[in-house]
Amino acid sequence: MQRLPAKLQRFWSDSSGAVTMEYVLLCLMLATASVMMIISFSRAVARRFALVSYAMSGYSAEQIAEADENFRNEQENDAVVGETYSDYMHGEKVNQE
């Protein structure tokens, strides 16, 4: 019976698993941040590439400006949709219009 407290003390003082867990948590945070960045910026980058391809295809300046304006309107709509999803995730009541 004397050995049990010594074993428990060694078990509680062993911190080798804590370091591994810290690295796991760090990797999870980096992965989550990477996914959120990809989600946030992928549409904006795709729109810019679309505008560049329009410019290289021979569209007129007016057509490119119109496409850019359409992209900006879509971006504003995306912000409204994102805000609505955020409200749902945080449990706030969202009025359907």
PDB file of N, CA and C in Angstrom:
ATOM      1  N   MET A   1       0.806  -1.199   0.000  1.00  0.00           N
ATOM      2  CA  MET A   1       0.000   0.000   0.000  1.00  0.00           C
ATOM      3  C   MET A   1       0.849   1.263   0.000  1.00  0.00           C
ATOM      4  N   GLN A   2       2.073   1.167   0.469  1.00  0.00           N
ATOM      5  CA  GLN A   2       2.932   2.335   0.517  1.00  0.00           C
ATOM      6  C   GLN A   2       3.300   2.812  -0.881  1.00  0.00           C
ATOM      7  N   ARG A   3       3.318   1.916  -1.855  1.00  0.00           N
ATOM      8  CA  ARG A   3       3.738   2.292  -3.201  1.00  0.00           C
ATOM      9  C   ARG A   3       2.654   3.069  -3.946  1.00  0.00           C
ATOM     10  N   LEU A   4       1.419   2.935  -3.577  1.00  0.00           N
ATOM     11  CA  LEU A   4       0.321   3.607  -4.289  1.00  0.00           C
ATOM     12  C   LEU A   4       0.446   5.130  -4.249  1.00  0.00           C
ATOM     13  N   PRO A   5       0.671   5.772  -3.116  1.00  0.00           N
ATOM     14  CA  PRO A   5       0.823   7.229  -3.134  1.00  0.00           C
ATOM     15  C   PRO A   5       2.015   7.682  -3.966  1.00  0.00           C
ATOM     16  N   ALA A   6       3.095   6.938  -3.956  1.00  0.00           N
ATOM     17  CA  ALA A   6       4.259   7.314  -4.762  1.00  0.00           C
ATOM     18  C   ALA A   6       3.933   7.219  -6.245  1.00  0.00           C
ATOM     19  N   LYS A   7       3.193   6.196  -6.640  1.00  0.00           N
ATOM     20  CA  LYS A   7       2.799   6.049  -8.046  1.00  0.00           C
ATOM     21  C   LYS A   7       1.853   7.176  -8.462  1.00  0.00           C
ATOM     22  N   LEU A   8       0.924   7.508  -7.578  1.00  0.00           N
ATOM     23  CA  LEU A   8       0.002   8.607  -7.877  1.00  0.00           C
ATOM     24  C   LEU A   8       0.745   9.927  -8.011  1.00  0.00           C
ATOM     25  N   GLN A   9       1.708  10.133  -7.138  1.00  0.00           N
ATOM     26  CA  GLN A   9       2.469  11.374  -7.194  1.00  0.00           C
ATOM     27  C   GLN A   9       3.269  11.455  -8.496  1.00  0.00           C
ATOM     28  N   ARG A  10       3.867  10.341  -8.907  1.00  0.00           N
ATOM     29  CA  ARG A  10       4.594  10.339 -10.180  1.00  0.00           C
ATOM     30  C   ARG A  10       3.638  10.559 -11.358  1.00  0.00           C
ATOM     31  N   PHE A  11       2.442   9.970 -11.269  1.00  0.00           N
ATOM     32  CA  PHE A  11       1.452  10.140 -12.347  1.00  0.00           C
ATOM     33  C   PHE A  11       1.043  11.603 -12.478  1.00  0.00           C
ATOM     34  N   TRP A  12       0.773  12.264 -11.366  1.00  0.00           N
ATOM     35  CA  TRP A  12       0.342  13.662 -11.404  1.00  0.00           C
ATOM     36  C   TRP A  12       1.467  14.611 -11.795  1.00  0.00           C
ATOM     37  N   SER A  13       2.693  14.237 -11.503  1.00  0.00           N
ATOM     38  CA  SER A  13       3.813  15.118 -11.833  1.00  0.00           C
ATOM     39  C   SER A  13       4.320  14.915 -13.253  1.00  0.00           C
ATOM     40  N   ASP A  14       3.893  13.854 -13.908  1.00  0.00           N
ATOM     41  CA  ASP A  14       4.316  13.600 -15.284  1.00  0.00           C
ATOM     42  C   ASP A  14       3.581  14.556 -16.219  1.00  0.00           C
ATOM     43  N   SER A  15       4.322  15.382 -16.949  1.00  0.00           N
ATOM     44  CA  SER A  15       3.702  16.373 -17.835  1.00  0.00           C
ATOM     45  C   SER A  15       4.049  16.139 -19.299  1.00  0.00           C
ATOM     46  N   SER A  16       4.480  14.957 -19.666  1.00  0.00           N
ATOM     47  CA  SER A  16       4.869  14.708 -21.061  1.00  0.00           C
ATOM     48  C   SER A  16       3.668  14.782 -22.001  1.00  0.00           C
ATOM     49  N   GLY A  17       2.496  14.402 -21.553  1.00  0.00           N
ATOM     50  CA  GLY A  17       1.309  14.472 -22.396  1.00  0.00           C
ATOM     51  C   GLY A  17       0.793  15.888 -22.566  1.00  0.00           C
ATOM     52  N   ALA A  18       1.086  16.746 -21.610  1.00  0.00           N
ATOM     53  CA  ALA A  18       0.615  18.131 -21.677  1.00  0.00           C
ATOM     54  C   ALA A  18       1.275  18.877 -22.828  1.00  0.00           C
ATOM     55  N   VAL A  19       2.548  18.616 -23.054  1.00  0.00           N
ATOM     56  CA  VAL A  19       3.250  19.282 -24.149  1.00  0.00           C
ATOM     57  C   VAL A  19       2.655  18.856 -25.485  1.00  0.00           C
ATOM     58  N   THR A  20       2.386  17.574 -25.618  1.00  0.00           N
ATOM     59  CA  THR A  20       1.766  17.074 -26.853  1.00  0.00           C
ATOM     60  C   THR A  20       0.400  17.712 -27.052  1.00  0.00           C
ATOM     61  N   MET A  21      -0.370  17.819 -25.998  1.00  0.00           N
ATOM     62  CA  MET A  21      -1.695  18.419 -26.096  1.00  0.00           C
ATOM     63  C   MET A  21      -1.606  19.889 -26.492  1.00  0.00           C
ATOM     64  N   GLU A  22      -0.606  20.584 -26.010  1.00  0.00           N
ATOM     65  CA  GLU A  22      -0.427  21.985 -26.404  1.00  0.00           C
ATOM     66  C   GLU A  22      -0.173  22.092 -27.909  1.00  0.00           C
ATOM     67  N   TYR A  23       0.643  21.204 -28.431  1.00  0.00           N
ATOM     68  CA  TYR A  23       0.900  21.210 -29.872  1.00  0.00           C
ATOM     69  C   TYR A  23      -0.351  20.852 -30.666  1.00  0.00           C
ATOM     70  N   VAL A  24      -1.138  19.928 -30.160  1.00  0.00           N
ATOM     71  CA  VAL A  24      -2.388  19.563 -30.831  1.00  0.00           C
ATOM     72  C   VAL A  24      -3.329  20.763 -30.862  1.00  0.00           C
ATOM     73  N   LEU A  25      -3.457  21.450 -29.740  1.00  0.00           N
ATOM     74  CA  LEU A  25      -4.332  22.631 -29.696  1.00  0.00           C
ATOM     75  C   LEU A  25      -3.824  23.738 -30.606  1.00  0.00           C
ATOM     76  N   LEU A  26      -2.524  23.933 -30.646  1.00  0.00           N
ATOM     77  CA  LEU A  26      -1.941  24.935 -31.537  1.00  0.00           C
ATOM     78  C   LEU A  26      -2.239  24.604 -32.996  1.00  0.00           C
ATOM     79  N   CYS A  27      -2.075  23.336 -33.366  1.00  0.00           N
ATOM     80  CA  CYS A  27      -2.371  22.914 -34.741  1.00  0.00           C
ATOM     81  C   CYS A  27      -3.849  23.090 -35.073  1.00  0.00           C
ATOM     82  N   LEU A  28      -4.721  22.783 -34.129  1.00  0.00           N
ATOM     83  CA  LEU A  28      -6.159  22.968 -34.361  1.00  0.00           C
ATOM     84  C   LEU A  28      -6.510  24.438 -34.554  1.00  0.00           C
ATOM     85  N   MET A  29      -5.899  25.313 -33.765  1.00  0.00           N
ATOM     86  CA  MET A  29      -6.168  26.743 -33.923  1.00  0.00           C
ATOM     87  C   MET A  29      -5.665  27.246 -35.277  1.00  0.00           C
ATOM     88  N   LEU A  30      -4.490  26.795 -35.693  1.00  0.00           N
ATOM     89  CA  LEU A  30      -3.962  27.203 -36.995  1.00  0.00           C
ATOM     90  C   LEU A  30      -4.835  26.671 -38.133  1.00  0.00           C
ATOM     91  N   ALA A  31      -5.288  25.446 -38.014  1.00  0.00           N
ATOM     92  CA  ALA A  31      -6.152  24.877 -39.053  1.00  0.00           C
ATOM     93  C   ALA A  31      -7.475  25.633 -39.126  1.00  0.00           C
ATOM     94  N   THR A  32      -8.044  25.955 -37.986  1.00  0.00           N
ATOM     95  CA  THR A  32      -9.299  26.703 -37.965  1.00  0.00           C
ATOM     96  C   THR A  32      -9.115  28.085 -38.570  1.00  0.00           C
ATOM     97  N   ALA A  33      -8.032  28.755 -38.218  1.00  0.00           N
ATOM     98  CA  ALA A  33      -7.774  30.074 -38.784  1.00  0.00           C
ATOM     99  C   ALA A  33      -7.562  29.989 -40.294  1.00  0.00           C
ATOM    100  N   SER A  34      -6.880  28.956 -40.753  1.00  0.00           N
ATOM    101  CA  SER A  34      -6.651  28.788 -42.193  1.00  0.00           C
ATOM    102  C   SER A  34      -7.959  28.577 -42.936  1.00  0.00           C
ATOM    103  N   VAL A  35      -8.818  27.746 -42.398  1.00  0.00           N
ATOM    104  CA  VAL A  35     -10.112  27.497 -43.042  1.00  0.00           C
ATOM    105  C   VAL A  35     -10.944  28.768 -43.079  1.00  0.00           C
ATOM    106  N   MET A  36     -10.952  29.519 -41.986  1.00  0.00           N
ATOM    107  CA  MET A  36     -11.728  30.761 -41.950  1.00  0.00           C
ATOM    108  C   MET A  36     -11.177  31.779 -42.944  1.00  0.00           C
ATOM    109  N   MET A  37      -9.885  31.855 -43.096  1.00  0.00           N
ATOM    110  CA  MET A  37      -9.290  32.777 -44.068  1.00  0.00           C
ATOM    111  C   MET A  37      -9.650  32.361 -45.488  1.00  0.00           C
ATOM    112  N   ILE A  38      -9.603  31.088 -45.762  1.00  0.00           N
ATOM    113  CA  ILE A  38      -9.957  30.610 -47.101  1.00  0.00           C
ATOM    114  C   ILE A  38     -11.415  30.925 -47.395  1.00  0.00           C
ATOM    115  N   ILE A  39     -12.286  30.671 -46.429  1.00  0.00           N
ATOM    116  CA  ILE A  39     -13.708  30.969 -46.630  1.00  0.00           C
ATOM    117  C   ILE A  39     -13.918  32.463 -46.824  1.00  0.00           C
ATOM    118  N   SER A  40     -13.240  33.267 -46.035  1.00  0.00           N
ATOM    119  CA  SER A  40     -13.435  34.718 -46.088  1.00  0.00           C
ATOM    120  C   SER A  40     -12.935  35.343 -47.384  1.00  0.00           C
ATOM    121  N   PHE A  41     -11.781  34.900 -47.841  1.00  0.00           N
ATOM    122  CA  PHE A  41     -11.144  35.580 -48.960  1.00  0.00           C
ATOM    123  C   PHE A  41     -11.286  34.889 -50.305  1.00  0.00           C
ATOM    124  N   SER A  42     -11.798  33.663 -50.340  1.00  0.00           N
ATOM    125  CA  SER A  42     -11.838  32.946 -51.613  1.00  0.00           C
ATOM    126  C   SER A  42     -12.736  33.629 -52.635  1.00  0.00           C
ATOM    127  N   ARG A  43     -13.890  34.102 -52.215  1.00  0.00           N
ATOM    128  CA  ARG A  43     -14.800  34.748 -53.166  1.00  0.00           C
ATOM    129  C   ARG A  43     -14.234  36.075 -53.659  1.00  0.00           C
ATOM    130  N   ALA A  44     -13.596  36.820 -52.775  1.00  0.00           N
ATOM    131  CA  ALA A  44     -13.013  38.104 -53.175  1.00  0.00           C
ATOM    132  C   ALA A  44     -11.887  37.889 -54.178  1.00  0.00           C
ATOM    133  N   VAL A  45     -11.060  36.888 -53.942  1.00  0.00           N
ATOM    134  CA  VAL A  45      -9.964  36.597 -54.864  1.00  0.00           C
ATOM    135  C   VAL A  45     -10.523  36.113 -56.204  1.00  0.00           C
ATOM    136  N   ALA A  46     -11.543  35.269 -56.165  1.00  0.00           N
ATOM    137  CA  ALA A  46     -12.156  34.782 -57.410  1.00  0.00           C
ATOM    138  C   ALA A  46     -12.753  35.937 -58.213  1.00  0.00           C
ATOM    139  N   ARG A  47     -13.350  36.888 -57.534  1.00  0.00           N
ATOM    140  CA  ARG A  47     -13.917  38.044 -58.237  1.00  0.00           C
ATOM    141  C   ARG A  47     -12.827  38.886 -58.893  1.00  0.00           C
ATOM    142  N   ARG A  48     -11.726  39.078 -58.191  1.00  0.00           N
ATOM    143  CA  ARG A  48     -10.617  39.855 -58.778  1.00  0.00           C
ATOM    144  C   ARG A  48     -10.039  39.135 -59.991  1.00  0.00           C
ATOM    145  N   PHE A  49      -9.900  37.821 -59.919  1.00  0.00           N
ATOM    146  CA  PHE A  49      -9.427  37.070 -61.080  1.00  0.00           C
ATOM    147  C   PHE A  49     -10.409  37.178 -62.241  1.00  0.00           C
ATOM    148  N   ALA A  50     -11.706  37.191 -61.933  1.00  0.00           N
ATOM    149  CA  ALA A  50     -12.710  37.344 -62.984  1.00  0.00           C
ATOM    150  C   ALA A  50     -12.579  38.709 -63.656  1.00  0.00           C
ATOM    151  N   LEU A  51     -12.364  39.758 -62.865  1.00  0.00           N
ATOM    152  CA  LEU A  51     -12.190  41.095 -63.445  1.00  0.00           C
ATOM    153  C   LEU A  51     -10.935  41.158 -64.314  1.00  0.00           C
ATOM    154  N   VAL A  52      -9.868  40.523 -63.866  1.00  0.00           N
ATOM    155  CA  VAL A  52      -8.643  40.503 -64.664  1.00  0.00           C
ATOM    156  C   VAL A  52      -8.884  39.755 -65.968  1.00  0.00           C
ATOM    157  N   SER A  53      -9.603  38.646 -65.903  1.00  0.00           N
ATOM    158  CA  SER A  53      -9.886  37.899 -67.141  1.00  0.00           C
ATOM    159  C   SER A  53     -10.789  38.694 -68.075  1.00  0.00           C
ATOM    160  N   TYR A  54     -11.744  39.461 -67.507  1.00  0.00           N
ATOM    161  CA  TYR A  54     -12.569  40.330 -68.351  1.00  0.00           C
ATOM    162  C   TYR A  54     -11.697  41.361 -69.057  1.00  0.00           C
ATOM    163  N   ALA A  55     -10.778  41.953 -68.316  1.00  0.00           N
ATOM    164  CA  ALA A  55      -9.910  42.979 -68.900  1.00  0.00           C
ATOM    165  C   ALA A  55      -9.029  42.381 -69.991  1.00  0.00           C
ATOM    166  N   MET A  56      -8.571  41.168 -69.803  1.00  0.00           N
ATOM    167  CA  MET A  56      -7.699  40.530 -70.797  1.00  0.00           C
ATOM    168  C   MET A  56      -8.480  39.996 -71.994  1.00  0.00           C
ATOM    169  N   SER A  57      -9.806  39.849 -71.857  1.00  0.00           N
ATOM    170  CA  SER A  57     -10.625  39.300 -72.933  1.00  0.00           C
ATOM    171  C   SER A  57     -11.076  40.335 -73.938  1.00  0.00           C
ATOM    172  N   GLY A  58     -10.829  41.582 -73.647  1.00  0.00           N
ATOM    173  CA  GLY A  58     -11.208  42.614 -74.592  1.00  0.00           C
ATOM    174  C   GLY A  58     -12.538  43.280 -74.294  1.00  0.00           C
ATOM    175  N   TYR A  59     -13.055  43.100 -73.078  1.00  0.00           N
ATOM    176  CA  TYR A  59     -14.274  43.803 -72.698  1.00  0.00           C
ATOM    177  C   TYR A  59     -13.967  45.298 -72.618  1.00  0.00           C
ATOM    178  N   SER A  60     -14.982  46.107 -72.838  1.00  0.00           N
ATOM    179  CA  SER A  60     -14.788  47.552 -72.752  1.00  0.00           C
ATOM    180  C   SER A  60     -14.682  47.981 -71.292  1.00  0.00           C
ATOM    181  N   ALA A  61     -14.198  49.201 -71.086  1.00  0.00           N
ATOM    182  CA  ALA A  61     -14.047  49.722 -69.730  1.00  0.00           C
ATOM    183  C   ALA A  61     -15.395  49.817 -69.022  1.00  0.00           C
ATOM    184  N   GLU A  62     -16.448  50.128 -69.776  1.00  0.00           N
ATOM    185  CA  GLU A  62     -17.781  50.231 -69.181  1.00  0.00           C
ATOM    186  C   GLU A  62     -18.271  48.859 -68.715  1.00  0.00           C
ATOM    187  N   GLN A  63     -18.012  47.824 -69.517  1.00  0.00           N
ATOM    188  CA  GLN A  63     -18.439  46.473 -69.145  1.00  0.00           C
ATOM    189  C   GLN A  63     -17.678  45.981 -67.910  1.00  0.00           C
ATOM    190  N   ILE A  64     -16.393  46.321 -67.849  1.00  0.00           N
ATOM    191  CA  ILE A  64     -15.596  45.921 -66.685  1.00  0.00           C
ATOM    192  C   ILE A  64     -16.079  46.664 -65.442  1.00  0.00           C
ATOM    193  N   ALA A  65     -16.383  47.958 -65.588  1.00  0.00           N
ATOM    194  CA  ALA A  65     -16.892  48.736 -64.459  1.00  0.00           C
ATOM    195  C   ALA A  65     -18.238  48.190 -63.995  1.00  0.00           C
ATOM    196  N   GLU A  66     -19.083  47.791 -64.944  1.00  0.00           N
ATOM    197  CA  GLU A  66     -20.384  47.209 -64.589  1.00  0.00           C
ATOM    198  C   GLU A  66     -20.201  45.883 -63.858  1.00  0.00           C
ATOM    199  N   ALA A  67     -19.284  45.050 -64.334  1.00  0.00           N
ATOM    200  CA  ALA A  67     -19.010  43.778 -63.665  1.00  0.00           C
ATOM    201  C   ALA A  67     -18.471  44.019 -62.258  1.00  0.00           C
ATOM    202  N   ASP A  68     -17.597  45.002 -62.115  1.00  0.00           N
ATOM    203  CA  ASP A  68     -17.052  45.330 -60.799  1.00  0.00           C
ATOM    204  C   ASP A  68     -18.160  45.795 -59.864  1.00  0.00           C
ATOM    205  N   GLU A  69     -19.068  46.592 -60.362  1.00  0.00           N
ATOM    206  CA  GLU A  69     -20.197  47.061 -59.541  1.00  0.00           C
ATOM    207  C   GLU A  69     -21.084  45.883 -59.128  1.00  0.00           C
ATOM    208  N   ASN A  70     -21.323  44.956 -60.052  1.00  0.00           N
ATOM    209  CA  ASN A  70     -22.107  43.763 -59.715  1.00  0.00           C
ATOM    210  C   ASN A  70     -21.405  42.946 -58.633  1.00  0.00           C
ATOM    211  N   PHE A  71     -20.082  42.807 -58.751  1.00  0.00           N
ATOM    212  CA  PHE A  71     -19.324  42.076 -57.744  1.00  0.00           C
ATOM    213  C   PHE A  71     -19.417  42.776 -56.393  1.00  0.00           C
ATOM    214  N   ARG A  72     -19.371  44.099 -56.391  1.00  0.00           N
ATOM    215  CA  ARG A  72     -19.469  44.840 -55.115  1.00  0.00           C
ATOM    216  C   ARG A  72     -20.849  44.649 -54.489  1.00  0.00           C
ATOM    217  N   ASN A  73     -21.892  44.659 -55.303  1.00  0.00           N
ATOM    218  CA  ASN A  73     -23.244  44.428 -54.776  1.00  0.00           C
ATOM    219  C   ASN A  73     -23.367  43.026 -54.196  1.00  0.00           C
ATOM    220  N   GLU A  74     -22.779  42.041 -54.880  1.00  0.00           N
ATOM    221  CA  GLU A  74     -22.805  40.676 -54.364  1.00  0.00           C
ATOM    222  C   GLU A  74     -22.046  40.594 -53.045  1.00  0.00           C
ATOM    223  N   GLN A  75     -20.957  41.340 -52.938  1.00  0.00           N
ATOM    224  CA  GLN A  75     -20.154  41.338 -51.713  1.00  0.00           C
ATOM    225  C   GLN A  75     -20.971  41.903 -50.550  1.00  0.00           C
ATOM    226  N   GLU A  76     -21.726  42.945 -50.792  1.00  0.00           N
ATOM    227  CA  GLU A  76     -22.579  43.505 -49.749  1.00  0.00           C
ATOM    228  C   GLU A  76     -23.650  42.500 -49.341  1.00  0.00           C
ATOM    229  N   ASN A  77     -24.210  41.788 -50.320  1.00  0.00           N
ATOM    230  CA  ASN A  77     -25.203  40.763 -50.008  1.00  0.00           C
ATOM    231  C   ASN A  77     -24.576  39.636 -49.197  1.00  0.00           C
ATOM    232  N   ASP A  78     -23.337  39.265 -49.524  1.00  0.00           N
ATOM    233  CA  ASP A  78     -22.628  38.239 -48.764  1.00  0.00           C
ATOM    234  C   ASP A  78     -22.456  38.665 -47.311  1.00  0.00           C
ATOM    235  N   ALA A  79     -22.178  39.958 -47.088  1.00  0.00           N
ATOM    236  CA  ALA A  79     -22.015  40.452 -45.722  1.00  0.00           C
ATOM    237  C   ALA A  79     -23.320  40.333 -44.948  1.00  0.00           C
ATOM    238  N   VAL A  80     -24.433  40.610 -45.593  1.00  0.00           N
ATOM    239  CA  VAL A  80     -25.737  40.500 -44.933  1.00  0.00           C
ATOM    240  C   VAL A  80     -26.031  39.043 -44.599  1.00  0.00           C
ATOM    241  N   VAL A  81     -25.752  38.149 -45.531  1.00  0.00           N
ATOM    242  CA  VAL A  81     -25.974  36.725 -45.284  1.00  0.00           C
ATOM    243  C   VAL A  81     -25.072  36.241 -44.155  1.00  0.00           C
ATOM    244  N   GLY A  82     -23.807  36.663 -44.151  1.00  0.00           N
ATOM    245  CA  GLY A  82     -22.889  36.274 -43.086  1.00  0.00           C
ATOM    246  C   GLY A  82     -23.350  36.768 -41.730  1.00  0.00           C
ATOM    247  N   GLU A  83     -23.883  37.986 -41.696  1.00  0.00           N
ATOM    248  CA  GLU A  83     -24.386  38.533 -40.436  1.00  0.00           C
ATOM    249  C   GLU A  83     -25.592  37.734 -39.941  1.00  0.00           C
ATOM    250  N   THR A  84     -26.454  37.327 -40.868  1.00  0.00           N
ATOM    251  CA  THR A  84     -27.614  36.522 -40.502  1.00  0.00           C
ATOM    252  C   THR A  84     -27.177  35.185 -39.924  1.00  0.00           C
ATOM    253  N   TYR A  85     -26.219  34.523 -40.582  1.00  0.00           N
ATOM    254  CA  TYR A  85     -25.716  33.250 -40.065  1.00  0.00           C
ATOM    255  C   TYR A  85     -25.085  33.440 -38.690  1.00  0.00           C
ATOM    256  N   SER A  86     -24.369  34.538 -38.510  1.00  0.00           N
ATOM    257  CA  SER A  86     -23.755  34.807 -37.214  1.00  0.00           C
ATOM    258  C   SER A  86     -24.829  34.963 -36.143  1.00  0.00           C
ATOM    259  N   ASP A  87     -25.905  35.654 -36.476  1.00  0.00           N
ATOM    260  CA  ASP A  87     -27.001  35.814 -35.515  1.00  0.00           C
ATOM    261  C   ASP A  87     -27.609  34.463 -35.150  1.00  0.00           C
ATOM    262  N   TYR A  88     -27.797  33.597 -36.145  1.00  0.00           N
ATOM    263  CA  TYR A  88     -28.345  32.271 -35.868  1.00  0.00           C
ATOM    264  C   TYR A  88     -27.404  31.469 -34.971  1.00  0.00           C
ATOM    265  N   MET A  89     -26.108  31.536 -35.247  1.00  0.00           N
ATOM    266  CA  MET A  89     -25.148  30.761 -34.466  1.00  0.00           C
ATOM    267  C   MET A  89     -25.071  31.250 -33.025  1.00  0.00           C
ATOM    268  N   HIS A  90     -25.301  32.540 -32.813  1.00  0.00           N
ATOM    269  CA  HIS A  90     -25.242  33.076 -31.459  1.00  0.00           C
ATOM    270  C   HIS A  90     -26.589  33.051 -30.754  1.00  0.00           C
ATOM    271  N   GLY A  91     -27.594  32.450 -31.392  1.00  0.00           N
ATOM    272  CA  GLY A  91     -28.887  32.259 -30.746  1.00  0.00           C
ATOM    273  C   GLY A  91     -29.775  33.474 -30.742  1.00  0.00           C
ATOM    274  N   GLU A  92     -29.439  34.477 -31.544  1.00  0.00           N
ATOM    275  CA  GLU A  92     -30.300  35.660 -31.585  1.00  0.00           C
ATOM    276  C   GLU A  92     -31.450  35.414 -32.542  1.00  0.00           C
ATOM    277  N   LYS A  93     -32.598  35.975 -32.221  1.00  0.00           N
ATOM    278  CA  LYS A  93     -33.767  35.817 -33.079  1.00  0.00           C
ATOM    279  C   LYS A  93     -33.592  36.677 -34.313  1.00  0.00           C
ATOM    280  N   VAL A  94     -33.800  36.080 -35.470  1.00  0.00           N
ATOM    281  CA  VAL A  94     -33.650  36.792 -36.727  1.00  0.00           C
ATOM    282  C   VAL A  94     -35.017  36.882 -37.388  1.00  0.00           C
ATOM    283  N   ASN A  95     -35.400  38.095 -37.723  1.00  0.00           N
ATOM    284  CA  ASN A  95     -36.699  38.302 -38.380  1.00  0.00           C
ATOM    285  C   ASN A  95     -36.574  37.978 -39.858  1.00  0.00           C
ATOM    286  N   GLN A  96     -37.481  37.160 -40.339  1.00  0.00           N
ATOM    287  CA  GLN A  96     -37.511  36.810 -41.755  1.00  0.00           C
ATOM    288  C   GLN A  96     -38.282  37.902 -42.473  1.00  0.00           C
ATOM    289  N   GLU A  97     -37.687  38.415 -43.542  1.00  0.00           N
ATOM    290  CA  GLU A  97     -38.368  39.466 -44.312  1.00  0.00           C
ATOM    291  C   GLU A  97     -38.796  38.947 -45.646  1.00  0.00           C
TER     292      GLU A  97
END
